[in-house]
PDB file of N, CA and C in Angstrom:
ATOM      1  N   MET A   1       3.225  16.097 -38.633  1.00  0.00           N
ATOM      2  CA  MET A   1       1.573  16.232 -37.284  1.00  0.00           C
ATOM      3  C   MET A   1       1.965  15.128 -36.930  1.00  0.00           C
ATOM      4  N   ALA A   2       1.771  14.164 -37.158  1.00  0.00           N
ATOM      5  CA  ALA A   2       1.023  12.604 -37.138  1.00  0.00           C
ATOM      6  C   ALA A   2       2.366  11.898 -36.627  1.00  0.00           C
ATOM      7  N   GLY A   3       3.894  12.398 -36.431  1.00  0.00           N
ATOM      8  CA  GLY A   3       3.986  12.074 -35.417  1.00  0.00           C
ATOM      9  C   GLY A   3       4.466  12.803 -34.306  1.00  0.00           C
ATOM     10  N   ASP A   4       3.974  14.227 -34.628  1.00  0.00           N
ATOM     11  CA  ASP A   4       3.637  14.162 -33.333  1.00  0.00           C
ATOM     12  C   ASP A   4       2.847  14.833 -32.031  1.00  0.00           C
ATOM     13  N   VAL A   5       1.262  14.001 -32.508  1.00  0.00           N
ATOM     14  CA  VAL A   5       1.183  13.189 -31.820  1.00  0.00           C
ATOM     15  C   VAL A   5       1.646  11.459 -31.046  1.00  0.00           C
ATOM     16  N   LYS A   6       2.553  10.475 -32.348  1.00  0.00           N
ATOM     17  CA  LYS A   6       2.216  10.356 -31.005  1.00  0.00           C
ATOM     18  C   LYS A   6       3.751  10.148 -30.350  1.00  0.00           C
ATOM     19  N   GLN A   7       4.567  11.186 -30.895  1.00  0.00           N
ATOM     20  CA  GLN A   7       5.201  11.416 -29.813  1.00  0.00           C
ATOM     21  C   GLN A   7       5.384  11.142 -28.099  1.00  0.00           C
ATOM     22  N   LYS A   8       3.920  13.019 -28.359  1.00  0.00           N
ATOM     23  CA  LYS A   8       3.640  13.022 -27.382  1.00  0.00           C
ATOM     24  C   LYS A   8       2.802  11.599 -25.971  1.00  0.00           C
ATOM     25  N   THR A   9       1.985  11.118 -26.993  1.00  0.00           N
ATOM     26  CA  THR A   9       1.525  10.738 -26.777  1.00  0.00           C
ATOM     27  C   THR A   9       2.716   8.105 -25.829  1.00  0.00           C
ATOM     28  N   ARG A  10       3.682   8.630 -27.321  1.00  0.00           N
ATOM     29  CA  ARG A  10       4.583   8.079 -26.022  1.00  0.00           C
ATOM     30  C   ARG A  10       4.770   8.497 -24.333  1.00  0.00           C
ATOM     31  N   ASP A  11       5.037   9.757 -24.382  1.00  0.00           N
ATOM     32  CA  ASP A  11       5.595  11.175 -23.325  1.00  0.00           C
ATOM     33  C   ASP A  11       5.167  10.527 -22.419  1.00  0.00           C
ATOM     34  N   ASP A  12       2.954  10.980 -22.768  1.00  0.00           N
ATOM     35  CA  ASP A  12       1.932  10.161 -22.058  1.00  0.00           C
ATOM     36  C   ASP A  12       2.147   9.363 -21.595  1.00  0.00           C
ATOM     37  N   LEU A  13       2.292   7.975 -21.879  1.00  0.00           N
ATOM     38  CA  LEU A  13       2.753   6.333 -22.099  1.00  0.00           C
ATOM     39  C   LEU A  13       3.260   6.461 -21.107  1.00  0.00           C
ATOM     40  N   ARG A  14       4.414   6.711 -21.558  1.00  0.00           N
ATOM     41  CA  ARG A  14       5.714   6.676 -19.719  1.00  0.00           C
ATOM     42  C   ARG A  14       5.571   7.431 -18.791  1.00  0.00           C
ATOM     43  N   ALA A  15       5.316   8.467 -18.790  1.00  0.00           N
ATOM     44  CA  ALA A  15       4.749   9.374 -17.319  1.00  0.00           C
ATOM     45  C   ALA A  15       3.792   8.791 -16.207  1.00  0.00           C
ATOM     46  N   ALA A  16       2.599   7.901 -17.507  1.00  0.00           N
ATOM     47  CA  ALA A  16       1.469   7.138 -16.919  1.00  0.00           C
ATOM     48  C   ALA A  16       2.237   5.960 -16.156  1.00  0.00           C
ATOM     49  N   GLN A  17       2.943   5.400 -16.610  1.00  0.00           N
ATOM     50  CA  GLN A  17       4.265   4.207 -16.114  1.00  0.00           C
ATOM     51  C   GLN A  17       4.957   4.392 -15.591  1.00  0.00           C
ATOM     52  N   ALA A  18       5.250   5.826 -15.034  1.00  0.00           N
ATOM     53  CA  ALA A  18       6.919   5.883 -14.185  1.00  0.00           C
ATOM     54  C   ALA A  18       4.945   6.451 -12.866  1.00  0.00           C
ATOM     55  N   ALA A  19       4.381   7.135 -12.915  1.00  0.00           N
ATOM     56  CA  ALA A  19       3.301   8.072 -11.954  1.00  0.00           C
ATOM     57  C   ALA A  19       3.206   6.527 -11.305  1.00  0.00           C
ATOM     58  N   PHE A  20       2.966   6.032 -11.995  1.00  0.00           N
ATOM     59  CA  PHE A  20       1.765   4.830 -11.699  1.00  0.00           C
ATOM     60  C   PHE A  20       3.471   3.512 -10.642  1.00  0.00           C
ATOM     61  N   GLU A  21       4.372   3.441 -11.386  1.00  0.00           N
ATOM     62  CA  GLU A  21       5.676   2.806 -10.157  1.00  0.00           C
ATOM     63  C   GLU A  21       5.634   3.535  -8.627  1.00  0.00           C
ATOM     64  N   ARG A  22       5.425   4.688  -8.793  1.00  0.00           N
ATOM     65  CA  ARG A  22       6.191   5.114  -7.995  1.00  0.00           C
ATOM     66  C   ARG A  22       5.290   5.674  -6.941  1.00  0.00           C
ATOM     67  N   ALA A  23       3.559   5.373  -7.064  1.00  0.00           N
ATOM     68  CA  ALA A  23       2.621   5.480  -5.981  1.00  0.00           C
ATOM     69  C   ALA A  23       2.800   3.484  -6.141  1.00  0.00           C
ATOM     70  N   GLU A  24       3.424   2.921  -6.090  1.00  0.00           N
ATOM     71  CA  GLU A  24       2.572   1.106  -5.884  1.00  0.00           C
ATOM     72  C   GLU A  24       4.360   0.902  -4.671  1.00  0.00           C
ATOM     73  N   SER A  25       5.086   2.254  -5.327  1.00  0.00           N
ATOM     74  CA  SER A  25       5.964   1.788  -3.972  1.00  0.00           C
ATOM     75  C   SER A  25       5.752   1.759  -3.363  1.00  0.00           C
ATOM     76  N   GLN A  26       4.909   3.341  -3.044  1.00  0.00           N
ATOM     77  CA  GLN A  26       4.932   4.183  -1.796  1.00  0.00           C
ATOM     78  C   GLN A  26       3.839   2.925  -1.276  1.00  0.00           C
ATOM     79  N   ARG A  27       2.457   3.053  -1.850  1.00  0.00           N
ATOM     80  CA  ARG A  27       1.738   1.740  -1.239  1.00  0.00           C
ATOM     81  C   ARG A  27       2.762   0.772  -0.623  1.00  0.00           C
ATOM     82  N   GLU A  28       3.605  -0.481  -1.614  1.00  0.00           N
ATOM     83  CA  GLU A  28       4.437  -1.399  -1.223  1.00  0.00           C
ATOM     84  C   GLU A  28       4.985  -0.690   0.571  1.00  0.00           C
ATOM     85  N   LYS A  29       5.120   0.518   0.879  1.00  0.00           N
ATOM     86  CA  LYS A  29       6.696   1.078   1.778  1.00  0.00           C
ATOM     87  C   LYS A  29       5.105   1.315   3.195  1.00  0.00           C
ATOM     88  N   ALA A  30       3.776   1.483   2.451  1.00  0.00           N
ATOM     89  CA  ALA A  30       3.217   2.470   3.642  1.00  0.00           C
ATOM     90  C   ALA A  30       1.928   1.394   3.902  1.00  0.00           C
ATOM     91  N   GLY A  31       2.080  -0.141   3.467  1.00  0.00           N
ATOM     92  CA  GLY A  31       2.143  -1.463   3.850  1.00  0.00           C
ATOM     93  C   GLY A  31       2.954  -2.113   5.025  1.00  0.00           C
ATOM     94  N   SER A  32       3.876  -2.072   4.812  1.00  0.00           N
ATOM     95  CA  SER A  32       5.319  -2.662   5.258  1.00  0.00           C
ATOM     96  C   SER A  32       4.869  -1.406   6.852  1.00  0.00           C
ATOM     97  N   ALA A  33       5.209  -0.320   6.760  1.00  0.00           N
ATOM     98  CA  ALA A  33       4.677   0.663   7.425  1.00  0.00           C
ATOM     99  C   ALA A  33       3.482  -0.123   9.038  1.00  0.00           C
ATOM    100  N   ARG A  34       2.740  -0.200   8.367  1.00  0.00           N
ATOM    101  CA  ARG A  34       1.019  -0.819   9.108  1.00  0.00           C
ATOM    102  C   ARG A  34       1.651  -2.035  10.064  1.00  0.00           C
ATOM    103  N   ARG A  35       1.940  -2.616   8.686  1.00  0.00           N
ATOM    104  CA  ARG A  35       2.511  -4.227   9.360  1.00  0.00           C
ATOM    105  C   ARG A  35       2.880  -4.304  10.613  1.00  0.00           C
ATOM    106  N   LYS A  36       3.379  -3.619  10.266  1.00  0.00           N
ATOM    107  CA  LYS A  36       5.449  -3.572  11.736  1.00  0.00           C
ATOM    108  C   LYS A  36       4.302  -2.297  12.685  1.00  0.00           C
ATOM    109  N   SER A  37       3.275  -1.798  12.931  1.00  0.00           N
ATOM    110  CA  SER A  37       2.937  -0.658  13.378  1.00  0.00           C
ATOM    111  C   SER A  37       1.693  -1.767  14.169  1.00  0.00           C
ATOM    112  N   PHE A  38       1.243  -2.644  13.685  1.00  0.00           N
ATOM    113  CA  PHE A  38       0.546  -4.093  14.038  1.00  0.00           C
ATOM    114  C   PHE A  38       1.175  -5.233  15.035  1.00  0.00           C
ATOM    115  N   GLU A  39       2.025  -5.533  14.928  1.00  0.00           N
ATOM    116  CA  GLU A  39       2.740  -6.476  15.262  1.00  0.00           C
ATOM    117  C   GLU A  39       3.874  -5.589  17.021  1.00  0.00           C
ATOM    118  N   LYS A  40       3.872  -4.246  16.829  1.00  0.00           N
ATOM    119  CA  LYS A  40       4.532  -3.706  17.492  1.00  0.00           C
ATOM    120  C   LYS A  40       2.916  -4.229  18.357  1.00  0.00           C
ATOM    121  N   ALA A  41       1.685  -3.097  17.809  1.00  0.00           N
ATOM    122  CA  ALA A  41       0.627  -3.822  19.417  1.00  0.00           C
ATOM    123  C   ALA A  41       0.141  -4.307  19.848  1.00  0.00           C
ATOM    124  N   GLN A  42       0.517  -5.638  18.699  1.00  0.00           N
ATOM    125  CA  GLN A  42       0.359  -7.412  19.077  1.00  0.00           C
ATOM    126  C   GLN A  42       0.951  -7.660  20.183  1.00  0.00           C
ATOM    127  N   ARG A  43       3.205  -7.251  19.846  1.00  0.00           N
ATOM    128  CA  ARG A  43       3.999  -7.208  21.528  1.00  0.00           C
ATOM    129  C   ARG A  43       3.316  -6.108  21.967  1.00  0.00           C
ATOM    130  N   ALA A  44       1.867  -5.431  21.888  1.00  0.00           N
ATOM    131  CA  ALA A  44       2.410  -4.781  23.287  1.00  0.00           C
ATOM    132  C   ALA A  44       1.664  -5.229  24.133  1.00  0.00           C
ATOM    133  N   GLY A  45       0.808  -6.788  23.773  1.00  0.00           N
ATOM    134  CA  GLY A  45      -0.158  -7.187  24.347  1.00  0.00           C
ATOM    135  C   GLY A  45      -1.304  -6.830  24.428  1.00  0.00           C
ATOM    136  N   MET A  46      -1.682  -5.887  22.704  1.00  0.00           N
ATOM    137  CA  MET A  46      -3.521  -5.935  22.480  1.00  0.00           C
ATOM    138  C   MET A  46      -3.399  -7.044  21.247  1.00  0.00           C
ATOM    139  N   THR A  47      -5.132  -7.056  21.566  1.00  0.00           N
ATOM    140  CA  THR A  47      -5.757  -8.310  20.179  1.00  0.00           C
ATOM    141  C   THR A  47      -5.718  -7.928  19.490  1.00  0.00           C
ATOM    142  N   LEU A  48      -6.221  -8.828  18.693  1.00  0.00           N
ATOM    143  CA  LEU A  48      -6.320  -8.749  17.319  1.00  0.00           C
ATOM    144  C   LEU A  48      -7.485  -7.732  16.968  1.00  0.00           C
ATOM    145  N   ARG A  49      -8.767  -7.797  17.480  1.00  0.00           N
ATOM    146  CA  ARG A  49      -9.654  -7.066  18.331  1.00  0.00           C
ATOM    147  C   ARG A  49      -9.059  -5.551  18.988  1.00  0.00           C
ATOM    148  N   GLU A  50      -8.826  -5.057  19.437  1.00  0.00           N
ATOM    149  CA  GLU A  50      -8.143  -3.891  19.960  1.00  0.00           C
ATOM    150  C   GLU A  50      -7.413  -3.334  18.335  1.00  0.00           C
ATOM    151  N   ILE A  51      -6.783  -4.224  17.845  1.00  0.00           N
ATOM    152  CA  ILE A  51      -6.486  -3.432  16.936  1.00  0.00           C
ATOM    153  C   ILE A  51      -7.551  -2.913  15.957  1.00  0.00           C
ATOM    154  N   GLY A  52      -8.660  -4.385  15.750  1.00  0.00           N
ATOM    155  CA  GLY A  52      -9.088  -3.428  14.461  1.00  0.00           C
ATOM    156  C   GLY A  52      -9.940  -2.008  14.838  1.00  0.00           C
ATOM    157  N   GLU A  53     -11.194  -2.273  15.931  1.00  0.00           N
ATOM    158  CA  GLU A  53     -10.949  -1.522  16.667  1.00  0.00           C
ATOM    159  C   GLU A  53     -10.901  -0.231  16.419  1.00  0.00           C
ATOM    160  N   ILE A  54      -8.989   0.084  17.209  1.00  0.00           N
ATOM    161  CA  ILE A  54      -8.686   1.600  17.030  1.00  0.00           C
ATOM    162  C   ILE A  54      -8.286   2.190  15.251  1.00  0.00           C
ATOM    163  N   VAL A  55      -8.359   1.014  13.954  1.00  0.00           N
ATOM    164  CA  VAL A  55      -8.187   1.602  13.075  1.00  0.00           C
ATOM    165  C   VAL A  55      -8.944   1.386  12.253  1.00  0.00           C
ATOM    166  N   GLY A  56     -10.541   0.543  12.357  1.00  0.00           N
ATOM    167  CA  GLY A  56     -12.057   0.891  11.838  1.00  0.00           C
ATOM    168  C   GLY A  56     -11.968  -0.859  10.519  1.00  0.00           C
ATOM    169  N   LEU A  57     -10.988  -1.756  11.520  1.00  0.00           N
ATOM    170  CA  LEU A  57     -10.355  -2.891  10.011  1.00  0.00           C
ATOM    171  C   LEU A  57     -11.737  -4.142  11.319  1.00  0.00           C
ATOM    172  N   HIS A  58     -12.063  -5.472  10.415  1.00  0.00           N
ATOM    173  CA  HIS A  58     -12.121  -6.237  11.763  1.00  0.00           C
ATOM    174  C   HIS A  58     -11.230  -7.231  12.012  1.00  0.00           C
ATOM    175  N   HIS A  59     -11.383  -8.231  12.822  1.00  0.00           N
ATOM    176  CA  HIS A  59     -10.360  -8.614  13.442  1.00  0.00           C
ATOM    177  C   HIS A  59      -9.490  -9.616  12.782  1.00  0.00           C
ATOM    178  N   THR A  60     -10.529  -9.995  11.687  1.00  0.00           N
ATOM    179  CA  THR A  60      -9.719 -10.660  11.140  1.00  0.00           C
ATOM    180  C   THR A  60      -8.869 -10.245   9.324  1.00  0.00           C
ATOM    181  N   ARG A  61      -9.356  -9.415   9.909  1.00  0.00           N
ATOM    182  CA  ARG A  61      -7.915  -8.599   8.467  1.00  0.00           C
ATOM    183  C   ARG A  61      -7.469  -8.314   8.992  1.00  0.00           C
ATOM    184  N   VAL A  62      -6.874  -8.020  10.533  1.00  0.00           N
ATOM    185  CA  VAL A  62      -5.866  -7.629  10.982  1.00  0.00           C
ATOM    186  C   VAL A  62      -4.763  -8.114  11.222  1.00  0.00           C
ATOM    187  N   GLY A  63      -5.808  -9.926  11.152  1.00  0.00           N
ATOM    188  CA  GLY A  63      -5.383 -11.382  11.519  1.00  0.00           C
ATOM    189  C   GLY A  63      -4.359 -11.794   9.814  1.00  0.00           C
ATOM    190  N   GLU A  64      -5.207 -11.059   9.204  1.00  0.00           N
ATOM    191  CA  GLU A  64      -4.522 -11.829   7.364  1.00  0.00           C
ATOM    192  C   GLU A  64      -3.705 -10.956   7.671  1.00  0.00           C
ATOM    193  N   ILE A  65      -3.874  -9.643   7.409  1.00  0.00           N
ATOM    194  CA  ILE A  65      -2.296  -8.859   7.671  1.00  0.00           C
ATOM    195  C   ILE A  65      -1.379  -8.543   8.231  1.00  0.00           C
ATOM    196  N   LEU A  66      -1.685  -9.597   9.142  1.00  0.00           N
ATOM    197  CA  LEU A  66      -0.081  -9.810   9.671  1.00  0.00           C
ATOM    198  C   LEU A  66      -0.089 -11.222  10.102  1.00  0.00           C
ATOM    199  N   ARG A  67      -0.431 -11.723   9.377  1.00  0.00           N
ATOM    200  CA  ARG A  67       0.466 -13.284   9.108  1.00  0.00           C
ATOM    201  C   ARG A  67       0.938 -13.159   7.598  1.00  0.00           C
ATOM    202  N   ARG A  68       0.759 -12.145   6.799  1.00  0.00           N
ATOM    203  CA  ARG A  68       1.426 -12.217   5.695  1.00  0.00           C
ATOM    204  C   ARG A  68       3.561 -11.792   5.499  1.00  0.00           C
ATOM    205  N   ASP A  69       3.418 -13.072   4.141  1.00  0.00           N
ATOM    206  CA  ASP A  69       5.387 -12.409   4.539  1.00  0.00           C
ATOM    207  C   ASP A  69       5.307 -11.844   4.047  1.00  0.00           C
TER     208      ASP A  69
END
């Protein structure tokens, strides 16, 4: 019985870690897509303030996102 509980706990831990890693990967992809969209808007002549107003972020935050490596 105790072995069954430990095995279930191990399985739960592995599943939680796998779910976390999938979510993290999706977050990174979404962040990259957002940055590319900001860059495209900037190339189209939009200011940081305009981009920020559209997406609901302060213009300084938009600038920070654009400066990320």
